[in-house]
N, C-alpha and C. Protein backbone atom coordinates (compact mmCIF):
# COMPACT_ATOMS: atom_id res chain seq x y z
N UNK A 1 -15.75 1.56 0.62
CA UNK A 1 -14.79 0.61 0.06
C UNK A 1 -13.53 1.37 -0.36
N UNK A 2 -12.38 0.86 0.03
CA UNK A 2 -11.13 1.53 -0.32
C UNK A 2 -10.50 0.84 -1.52
N UNK A 3 -9.81 1.64 -2.30
CA UNK A 3 -9.12 1.10 -3.46
C UNK A 3 -7.78 0.54 -3.04
N UNK A 4 -7.51 -0.69 -3.41
CA UNK A 4 -6.20 -1.28 -3.16
C UNK A 4 -5.51 -1.47 -4.50
N UNK A 5 -4.33 -0.88 -4.67
CA UNK A 5 -3.63 -1.08 -5.94
C UNK A 5 -3.23 -2.54 -6.11
N UNK A 6 -3.06 -2.97 -7.34
CA UNK A 6 -2.67 -4.37 -7.56
C UNK A 6 -1.31 -4.67 -6.92
N UNK A 7 -1.16 -5.90 -6.51
CA UNK A 7 0.09 -6.36 -5.88
C UNK A 7 0.86 -7.17 -6.92
N UNK A 8 2.16 -6.93 -6.97
CA UNK A 8 3.04 -7.64 -7.91
C UNK A 8 4.12 -8.39 -7.13
N UNK A 9 4.89 -9.21 -7.83
CA UNK A 9 5.89 -10.07 -7.18
C UNK A 9 6.89 -9.29 -6.34
N UNK A 10 7.25 -8.07 -6.73
CA UNK A 10 8.26 -7.34 -5.97
C UNK A 10 7.67 -6.47 -4.86
N UNK A 11 6.38 -6.60 -4.60
CA UNK A 11 5.74 -5.91 -3.47
C UNK A 11 5.82 -6.79 -2.23
N UNK A 12 7.05 -7.05 -1.79
CA UNK A 12 7.29 -8.05 -0.74
C UNK A 12 6.54 -7.76 0.55
N UNK A 13 6.54 -6.51 0.96
CA UNK A 13 5.89 -6.17 2.22
C UNK A 13 4.38 -6.38 2.14
N UNK A 14 3.79 -5.97 1.02
CA UNK A 14 2.34 -6.17 0.84
C UNK A 14 1.99 -7.66 0.85
N UNK A 15 2.79 -8.44 0.15
CA UNK A 15 2.55 -9.89 0.10
C UNK A 15 2.70 -10.50 1.49
N UNK A 16 3.76 -10.11 2.19
CA UNK A 16 4.00 -10.65 3.53
C UNK A 16 2.85 -10.31 4.47
N UNK A 17 2.34 -9.09 4.38
CA UNK A 17 1.22 -8.69 5.23
C UNK A 17 -0.02 -9.52 4.90
N UNK A 18 -0.27 -9.77 3.63
CA UNK A 18 -1.44 -10.58 3.24
C UNK A 18 -1.28 -12.02 3.73
N UNK A 19 -0.07 -12.57 3.64
CA UNK A 19 0.15 -13.93 4.13
C UNK A 19 -0.01 -14.00 5.64
N UNK A 20 0.48 -12.98 6.34
CA UNK A 20 0.31 -12.96 7.79
C UNK A 20 -1.16 -12.84 8.16
N UNK A 21 -1.90 -12.00 7.42
CA UNK A 21 -3.34 -11.87 7.67
C UNK A 21 -4.04 -13.22 7.45
N UNK A 22 -3.61 -13.95 6.45
CA UNK A 22 -4.24 -15.23 6.13
C UNK A 22 -3.91 -16.31 7.16
N UNK A 23 -2.63 -16.40 7.54
CA UNK A 23 -2.18 -17.52 8.38
C UNK A 23 -1.93 -17.15 9.83
N UNK A 24 -1.81 -15.86 10.13
CA UNK A 24 -1.59 -15.43 11.51
C UNK A 24 -0.43 -16.14 12.16
N UNK A 25 -0.63 -16.56 13.40
CA UNK A 25 0.44 -17.21 14.15
C UNK A 25 0.51 -18.72 13.92
N UNK A 26 -0.25 -19.23 12.93
CA UNK A 26 -0.11 -20.64 12.57
C UNK A 26 1.29 -20.92 12.05
N UNK A 27 1.92 -19.88 11.49
CA UNK A 27 3.27 -20.01 10.97
C UNK A 27 4.20 -19.08 11.73
N UNK A 28 5.06 -19.66 12.56
CA UNK A 28 6.09 -18.90 13.24
C UNK A 28 7.33 -18.87 12.36
N UNK A 29 8.39 -18.24 12.88
CA UNK A 29 9.60 -18.04 12.07
C UNK A 29 10.16 -19.33 11.49
N UNK A 30 10.37 -20.34 12.32
CA UNK A 30 10.99 -21.57 11.81
C UNK A 30 10.08 -22.28 10.81
N UNK A 31 8.78 -22.20 11.04
CA UNK A 31 7.84 -22.84 10.11
C UNK A 31 7.78 -22.10 8.77
N UNK A 32 7.86 -20.77 8.82
CA UNK A 32 7.85 -19.99 7.58
C UNK A 32 9.06 -20.37 6.73
N UNK A 33 10.22 -20.51 7.36
CA UNK A 33 11.43 -20.85 6.61
C UNK A 33 11.43 -22.28 6.10
N UNK A 34 10.52 -23.12 6.57
CA UNK A 34 10.43 -24.50 6.08
C UNK A 34 9.34 -24.69 5.01
N UNK A 35 8.64 -23.62 4.65
CA UNK A 35 7.59 -23.72 3.64
C UNK A 35 8.22 -24.03 2.29
N UNK A 36 7.64 -25.00 1.61
CA UNK A 36 8.11 -25.32 0.25
C UNK A 36 7.78 -24.16 -0.67
N UNK A 37 8.69 -23.83 -1.56
CA UNK A 37 8.45 -22.72 -2.49
C UNK A 37 7.25 -22.98 -3.39
N UNK A 38 6.96 -24.24 -3.68
CA UNK A 38 5.78 -24.52 -4.50
C UNK A 38 4.51 -24.09 -3.77
N UNK A 39 4.46 -24.32 -2.46
CA UNK A 39 3.30 -23.90 -1.66
C UNK A 39 3.24 -22.38 -1.56
N UNK A 40 4.37 -21.76 -1.26
CA UNK A 40 4.43 -20.31 -1.13
C UNK A 40 4.00 -19.64 -2.43
N UNK A 41 4.48 -20.17 -3.54
CA UNK A 41 4.14 -19.65 -4.86
C UNK A 41 2.62 -19.67 -5.07
N UNK A 42 2.00 -20.78 -4.73
CA UNK A 42 0.55 -20.91 -4.90
C UNK A 42 -0.21 -19.95 -3.99
N UNK A 43 0.23 -19.81 -2.75
CA UNK A 43 -0.45 -18.92 -1.81
C UNK A 43 -0.39 -17.47 -2.27
N UNK A 44 0.76 -17.08 -2.84
CA UNK A 44 0.88 -15.70 -3.35
C UNK A 44 -0.10 -15.49 -4.50
N UNK A 45 -0.18 -16.46 -5.39
CA UNK A 45 -1.10 -16.34 -6.53
C UNK A 45 -2.56 -16.26 -6.08
N UNK A 46 -2.88 -16.78 -4.90
CA UNK A 46 -4.25 -16.77 -4.38
C UNK A 46 -4.60 -15.46 -3.66
N UNK A 47 -3.64 -14.57 -3.47
CA UNK A 47 -3.91 -13.32 -2.76
C UNK A 47 -4.87 -12.47 -3.59
N UNK A 48 -5.96 -12.00 -2.96
CA UNK A 48 -6.87 -11.11 -3.69
C UNK A 48 -6.10 -9.87 -4.16
N UNK A 49 -6.37 -9.43 -5.35
CA UNK A 49 -5.74 -8.24 -5.92
C UNK A 49 -4.30 -8.47 -6.35
N UNK A 50 -3.86 -9.75 -6.38
CA UNK A 50 -2.51 -10.04 -6.87
C UNK A 50 -2.54 -10.02 -8.39
N UNK A 51 -1.67 -9.22 -8.99
CA UNK A 51 -1.70 -9.02 -10.44
C UNK A 51 -0.56 -9.72 -11.17
N UNK A 52 0.36 -10.33 -10.43
CA UNK A 52 1.46 -11.02 -11.08
C UNK A 52 1.02 -12.34 -11.66
N UNK A 53 1.85 -12.90 -12.51
CA UNK A 53 1.56 -14.21 -13.09
C UNK A 53 2.54 -15.24 -12.54
N UNK A 54 2.19 -16.50 -12.67
CA UNK A 54 3.07 -17.57 -12.19
C UNK A 54 4.43 -17.50 -12.88
N UNK A 55 4.44 -17.19 -14.16
CA UNK A 55 5.67 -17.17 -14.93
C UNK A 55 6.62 -16.04 -14.52
N UNK A 56 6.08 -14.98 -13.91
CA UNK A 56 6.92 -13.84 -13.51
C UNK A 56 7.69 -14.09 -12.22
N UNK A 57 7.34 -15.14 -11.53
CA UNK A 57 7.98 -15.45 -10.25
C UNK A 57 9.37 -16.04 -10.47
N UNK A 58 10.23 -15.85 -9.46
CA UNK A 58 11.51 -16.55 -9.46
C UNK A 58 11.91 -16.82 -8.02
N UNK A 59 12.98 -17.56 -7.86
CA UNK A 59 13.39 -17.97 -6.52
C UNK A 59 13.74 -16.76 -5.64
N UNK A 60 14.33 -15.74 -6.23
CA UNK A 60 14.67 -14.53 -5.49
C UNK A 60 13.43 -13.85 -4.91
N UNK A 61 12.36 -13.79 -5.69
CA UNK A 61 11.10 -13.22 -5.19
C UNK A 61 10.60 -14.03 -4.00
N UNK A 62 10.61 -15.33 -4.13
CA UNK A 62 10.08 -16.19 -3.07
C UNK A 62 10.92 -16.08 -1.80
N UNK A 63 12.24 -15.99 -1.95
CA UNK A 63 13.11 -15.83 -0.78
C UNK A 63 12.83 -14.51 -0.07
N UNK A 64 12.65 -13.44 -0.84
CA UNK A 64 12.36 -12.13 -0.24
C UNK A 64 11.00 -12.13 0.44
N UNK A 65 10.01 -12.77 -0.18
CA UNK A 65 8.68 -12.86 0.43
C UNK A 65 8.77 -13.62 1.75
N UNK A 66 9.50 -14.71 1.74
CA UNK A 66 9.64 -15.53 2.93
C UNK A 66 10.29 -14.74 4.07
N UNK A 67 11.40 -14.06 3.80
CA UNK A 67 12.08 -13.33 4.87
C UNK A 67 11.25 -12.12 5.33
N UNK A 68 10.55 -11.47 4.42
CA UNK A 68 9.71 -10.34 4.80
C UNK A 68 8.53 -10.81 5.65
N UNK A 69 8.00 -11.99 5.33
CA UNK A 69 6.92 -12.57 6.14
C UNK A 69 7.41 -12.82 7.56
N UNK A 70 8.65 -13.30 7.70
CA UNK A 70 9.21 -13.51 9.04
C UNK A 70 9.27 -12.19 9.80
N UNK A 71 9.68 -11.11 9.14
CA UNK A 71 9.73 -9.81 9.81
C UNK A 71 8.34 -9.36 10.22
N UNK A 72 7.34 -9.60 9.38
CA UNK A 72 5.95 -9.26 9.74
C UNK A 72 5.53 -10.04 10.97
N UNK A 73 5.84 -11.33 10.99
CA UNK A 73 5.48 -12.17 12.13
C UNK A 73 6.18 -11.69 13.40
N UNK A 74 7.48 -11.37 13.28
CA UNK A 74 8.23 -10.88 14.45
C UNK A 74 7.61 -9.59 14.99
N UNK A 75 7.27 -8.66 14.09
CA UNK A 75 6.66 -7.40 14.53
C UNK A 75 5.36 -7.63 15.28
N UNK A 76 4.60 -8.61 14.87
CA UNK A 76 3.31 -8.89 15.50
C UNK A 76 3.49 -9.52 16.88
N UNK A 77 4.67 -10.05 17.17
CA UNK A 77 4.91 -10.71 18.46
C UNK A 77 5.28 -9.71 19.55
N UNK A 78 5.56 -8.48 19.19
CA UNK A 78 6.01 -7.47 20.15
C UNK A 78 4.88 -6.97 21.03
């Protein structure tokens, strides 16, 4: 078993990778950009080993997570 450090709101790449692992190609670029922030917020809170709280989130975090997730998806398409 490997140790995974806790994930926080500003760990955009880690969050994006976890979301891509969870949803795979069910969400392409245009669909990722259409996700409601309320849904994205909840999905991040559901990530195993996520240590942030709902109150620590802000729109800037969610925007960065969303765009980083798109980059993760694009990389997987190569």
